[in-house]
């Protein structure tokens, strides 16, 4: 199965990015330089975290230093626990930029993310979004 971000012009048809383009006011998204590390985008539901994450993904795909074969995106709304998240992260460990949307849905997500970052042989830029402030 092909990842949506590997399809040519996926940004044109993405509902989040289309909503951003069609908004009555335009704003620029914050710059992300894809430095290795763990980056969080936090805030209440429905304020644009997923849109920001997909705009970051689009930028990484078009960056000649990265490209679509070095990025990964997943919505975590259907991942029930940290063990399944750990398996997912293991399967994409060769990707440089990993975007996980709504990480707060995964029970004990921090265990999988910490293990992944502690044991990986590569330096990753991991970007997480979440709505729960108590994480």
C-alpha atoms as a PDB file:
ATOM      1  CA  UNK A   1       0.000   0.000   0.000  1.00  0.00           C
ATOM      2  CA  UNK A   2       1.341   3.413  -0.975  1.00  0.00           C
ATOM      3  CA  UNK A   3       1.610   6.099   1.673  1.00  0.00           C
ATOM      4  CA  UNK A   4      -0.484   9.153   0.835  1.00  0.00           C
ATOM      5  CA  UNK A   5       2.517  11.482   1.023  1.00  0.00           C
ATOM      6  CA  UNK A   6       4.301   9.490  -1.683  1.00  0.00           C
ATOM      7  CA  UNK A   7       1.538  10.271  -4.206  1.00  0.00           C
ATOM      8  CA  UNK A   8       2.306  13.196  -6.520  1.00  0.00           C
ATOM      9  CA  UNK A   9       0.382  16.358  -5.542  1.00  0.00           C
ATOM     10  CA  UNK A  10      -1.208  14.766  -2.463  1.00  0.00           C
ATOM     11  CA  UNK A  11      -1.219  18.203  -0.825  1.00  0.00           C
ATOM     12  CA  UNK A  12      -3.785  19.459  -3.365  1.00  0.00           C
ATOM     13  CA  UNK A  13      -6.391  16.898  -2.269  1.00  0.00           C
ATOM     14  CA  UNK A  14      -5.668  16.773   1.464  1.00  0.00           C
ATOM     15  CA  UNK A  15      -8.662  18.089   3.437  1.00  0.00           C
ATOM     16  CA  UNK A  16      -6.548  19.755   6.123  1.00  0.00           C
ATOM     17  CA  UNK A  17      -4.333  21.618   3.668  1.00  0.00           C
ATOM     18  CA  UNK A  18      -7.278  22.487   1.409  1.00  0.00           C
ATOM     19  CA  UNK A  19      -9.021  24.036   4.401  1.00  0.00           C
ATOM     20  CA  UNK A  20      -5.917  26.079   5.125  1.00  0.00           C
ATOM     21  CA  UNK A  21      -5.707  27.316   1.530  1.00  0.00           C
ATOM     22  CA  UNK A  22      -9.416  28.206   1.468  1.00  0.00           C
ATOM     23  CA  UNK A  23      -9.510  29.968   4.838  1.00  0.00           C
ATOM     24  CA  UNK A  24     -10.892  33.497   4.843  1.00  0.00           C
ATOM     25  CA  UNK A  25      -7.609  34.705   6.329  1.00  0.00           C
ATOM     26  CA  UNK A  26      -4.163  33.403   5.519  1.00  0.00           C
ATOM     27  CA  UNK A  27      -1.390  32.796   7.976  1.00  0.00           C
ATOM     28  CA  UNK A  28       2.057  31.356   7.630  1.00  0.00           C
ATOM     29  CA  UNK A  29       2.927  28.182   9.451  1.00  0.00           C
ATOM     30  CA  UNK A  30       5.864  28.119  11.876  1.00  0.00           C
ATOM     31  CA  UNK A  31       9.182  27.062  10.391  1.00  0.00           C
ATOM     32  CA  UNK A  32      10.483  23.593  11.211  1.00  0.00           C
ATOM     33  CA  UNK A  33      14.104  22.808  10.411  1.00  0.00           C
ATOM     34  CA  UNK A  34      13.907  19.021  10.934  1.00  0.00           C
ATOM     35  CA  UNK A  35      16.668  18.899  13.515  1.00  0.00           C
ATOM     36  CA  UNK A  36      16.941  15.567  15.288  1.00  0.00           C
ATOM     37  CA  UNK A  37      14.957  15.412  18.479  1.00  0.00           C
ATOM     38  CA  UNK A  38      11.496  15.156  19.904  1.00  0.00           C
ATOM     39  CA  UNK A  39       9.131  18.002  19.038  1.00  0.00           C
ATOM     40  CA  UNK A  40       5.626  18.538  20.462  1.00  0.00           C
ATOM     41  CA  UNK A  41       2.664  20.415  19.050  1.00  0.00           C
ATOM     42  CA  UNK A  42       0.120  20.692  21.862  1.00  0.00           C
ATOM     43  CA  UNK A  43      -3.230  22.374  22.202  1.00  0.00           C
ATOM     44  CA  UNK A  44      -7.002  21.946  22.381  1.00  0.00           C
ATOM     45  CA  UNK A  45      -8.875  19.933  19.767  1.00  0.00           C
ATOM     46  CA  UNK A  46      -9.724  21.497  16.421  1.00  0.00           C
ATOM     47  CA  UNK A  47      -7.218  24.371  16.445  1.00  0.00           C
ATOM     48  CA  UNK A  48      -5.035  23.208  13.533  1.00  0.00           C
ATOM     49  CA  UNK A  49      -2.455  20.800  14.967  1.00  0.00           C
ATOM     50  CA  UNK A  50      -3.058  18.204  12.242  1.00  0.00           C
ATOM     51  CA  UNK A  51      -2.981  20.911   9.585  1.00  0.00           C
ATOM     52  CA  UNK A  52       0.344  22.179  10.906  1.00  0.00           C
ATOM     53  CA  UNK A  53       1.714  18.637  11.008  1.00  0.00           C
ATOM     54  CA  UNK A  54       0.667  17.990   7.404  1.00  0.00           C
ATOM     55  CA  UNK A  55       2.195  21.274   6.271  1.00  0.00           C
ATOM     56  CA  UNK A  56       5.441  20.149   7.943  1.00  0.00           C
ATOM     57  CA  UNK A  57       5.121  16.799   6.176  1.00  0.00           C
ATOM     58  CA  UNK A  58       4.619  18.528   2.815  1.00  0.00           C
ATOM     59  CA  UNK A  59       7.713  20.663   3.414  1.00  0.00           C
ATOM     60  CA  UNK A  60       9.803  17.592   4.313  1.00  0.00           C
ATOM     61  CA  UNK A  61       8.620  15.766   1.195  1.00  0.00           C
ATOM     62  CA  UNK A  62       9.657  18.658  -1.026  1.00  0.00           C
ATOM     63  CA  UNK A  63      12.986  19.235   0.765  1.00  0.00           C
ATOM     64  CA  UNK A  64      15.812  17.929  -1.435  1.00  0.00           C
ATOM     65  CA  UNK A  65      17.752  16.858   1.677  1.00  0.00           C
ATOM     66  CA  UNK A  66      14.878  14.663   2.920  1.00  0.00           C
ATOM     67  CA  UNK A  67      12.228  13.642   0.347  1.00  0.00           C
ATOM     68  CA  UNK A  68       9.078  11.569   0.636  1.00  0.00           C
ATOM     69  CA  UNK A  69      10.966   8.295   1.100  1.00  0.00           C
ATOM     70  CA  UNK A  70      12.499   9.599   4.345  1.00  0.00           C
ATOM     71  CA  UNK A  71       9.283  10.731   6.064  1.00  0.00           C
ATOM     72  CA  UNK A  72       6.465   8.926   7.829  1.00  0.00           C
ATOM     73  CA  UNK A  73       3.049  10.072   9.033  1.00  0.00           C
ATOM     74  CA  UNK A  74       0.498   8.199  11.140  1.00  0.00           C
ATOM     75  CA  UNK A  75      -2.677   9.134  12.927  1.00  0.00           C
ATOM     76  CA  UNK A  76      -2.580   7.427  16.322  1.00  0.00           C
ATOM     77  CA  UNK A  77      -6.337   7.449  16.936  1.00  0.00           C
ATOM     78  CA  UNK A  78      -6.599   3.692  16.300  1.00  0.00           C
ATOM     79  CA  UNK A  79      -3.385   2.559  18.029  1.00  0.00           C
ATOM     80  CA  UNK A  80      -4.533   1.171  21.394  1.00  0.00           C
ATOM     81  CA  UNK A  81      -1.297   0.855  23.368  1.00  0.00           C
ATOM     82  CA  UNK A  82       2.405   1.535  23.546  1.00  0.00           C
ATOM     83  CA  UNK A  83       3.333  -1.973  22.365  1.00  0.00           C
ATOM     84  CA  UNK A  84       1.609  -1.472  19.012  1.00  0.00           C
ATOM     85  CA  UNK A  85       3.125   1.992  18.751  1.00  0.00           C
ATOM     86  CA  UNK A  86       6.564   0.507  19.464  1.00  0.00           C
ATOM     87  CA  UNK A  87       6.065  -2.018  16.647  1.00  0.00           C
ATOM     88  CA  UNK A  88       5.032   0.783  14.283  1.00  0.00           C
ATOM     89  CA  UNK A  89       8.073   2.873  15.203  1.00  0.00           C
ATOM     90  CA  UNK A  90      10.371  -0.121  14.724  1.00  0.00           C
ATOM     91  CA  UNK A  91       8.943  -0.620  11.230  1.00  0.00           C
ATOM     92  CA  UNK A  92       9.823   2.957  10.213  1.00  0.00           C
ATOM     93  CA  UNK A  93      13.160   3.332  12.002  1.00  0.00           C
ATOM     94  CA  UNK A  94      14.975   4.120   8.730  1.00  0.00           C
ATOM     95  CA  UNK A  95      12.863   7.253   8.148  1.00  0.00           C
ATOM     96  CA  UNK A  96      14.395  10.596   9.175  1.00  0.00           C
ATOM     97  CA  UNK A  97      11.210  12.556   9.901  1.00  0.00           C
ATOM     98  CA  UNK A  98       8.402  10.794  11.800  1.00  0.00           C
ATOM     99  CA  UNK A  99       5.098  12.607  12.360  1.00  0.00           C
ATOM    100  CA  UNK A 100       2.605  11.102  14.804  1.00  0.00           C
ATOM    101  CA  UNK A 101      -0.767  12.845  15.003  1.00  0.00           C
ATOM    102  CA  UNK A 102      -2.912  12.627  18.154  1.00  0.00           C
ATOM    103  CA  UNK A 103      -0.353  10.661  20.160  1.00  0.00           C
ATOM    104  CA  UNK A 104      -2.515  11.185  23.271  1.00  0.00           C
ATOM    105  CA  UNK A 105      -4.874   8.456  22.081  1.00  0.00           C
ATOM    106  CA  UNK A 106      -2.203   5.784  22.679  1.00  0.00           C
ATOM    107  CA  UNK A 107      -2.133   4.387  26.201  1.00  0.00           C
ATOM    108  CA  UNK A 108       1.316   5.021  27.740  1.00  0.00           C
ATOM    109  CA  UNK A 109       2.661   6.361  24.419  1.00  0.00           C
ATOM    110  CA  UNK A 110       5.750   7.836  26.060  1.00  0.00           C
ATOM    111  CA  UNK A 111       7.114   4.365  26.787  1.00  0.00           C
ATOM    112  CA  UNK A 112       7.285   3.473  23.079  1.00  0.00           C
ATOM    113  CA  UNK A 113       8.640   6.863  22.007  1.00  0.00           C
ATOM    114  CA  UNK A 114      11.349   6.891  24.695  1.00  0.00           C
ATOM    115  CA  UNK A 115      12.416   3.339  23.851  1.00  0.00           C
ATOM    116  CA  UNK A 116      12.536   4.173  20.135  1.00  0.00           C
ATOM    117  CA  UNK A 117      14.684   7.266  20.631  1.00  0.00           C
ATOM    118  CA  UNK A 118      16.950   5.530  23.172  1.00  0.00           C
ATOM    119  CA  UNK A 119      17.631   2.467  21.010  1.00  0.00           C
ATOM    120  CA  UNK A 120      17.656   3.836  17.471  1.00  0.00           C
ATOM    121  CA  UNK A 121      20.961   3.946  15.630  1.00  0.00           C
ATOM    122  CA  UNK A 122      19.857   6.968  13.567  1.00  0.00           C
ATOM    123  CA  UNK A 123      19.014  10.502  14.632  1.00  0.00           C
ATOM    124  CA  UNK A 124      15.336  11.221  13.982  1.00  0.00           C
ATOM    125  CA  UNK A 125      13.146  14.281  13.937  1.00  0.00           C
ATOM    126  CA  UNK A 126      10.021  13.000  15.712  1.00  0.00           C
ATOM    127  CA  UNK A 127       7.067  15.381  15.755  1.00  0.00           C
ATOM    128  CA  UNK A 128       4.060  14.576  17.936  1.00  0.00           C
ATOM    129  CA  UNK A 129       0.688  16.269  18.264  1.00  0.00           C
ATOM    130  CA  UNK A 130      -1.641  15.813  21.199  1.00  0.00           C
ATOM    131  CA  UNK A 131      -4.644  17.332  22.885  1.00  0.00           C
ATOM    132  CA  UNK A 132      -4.261  16.130  26.469  1.00  0.00           C
ATOM    133  CA  UNK A 133      -2.423  18.673  28.581  1.00  0.00           C
ATOM    134  CA  UNK A 134      -1.738  16.222  31.401  1.00  0.00           C
ATOM    135  CA  UNK A 135       0.555  13.983  29.316  1.00  0.00           C
END
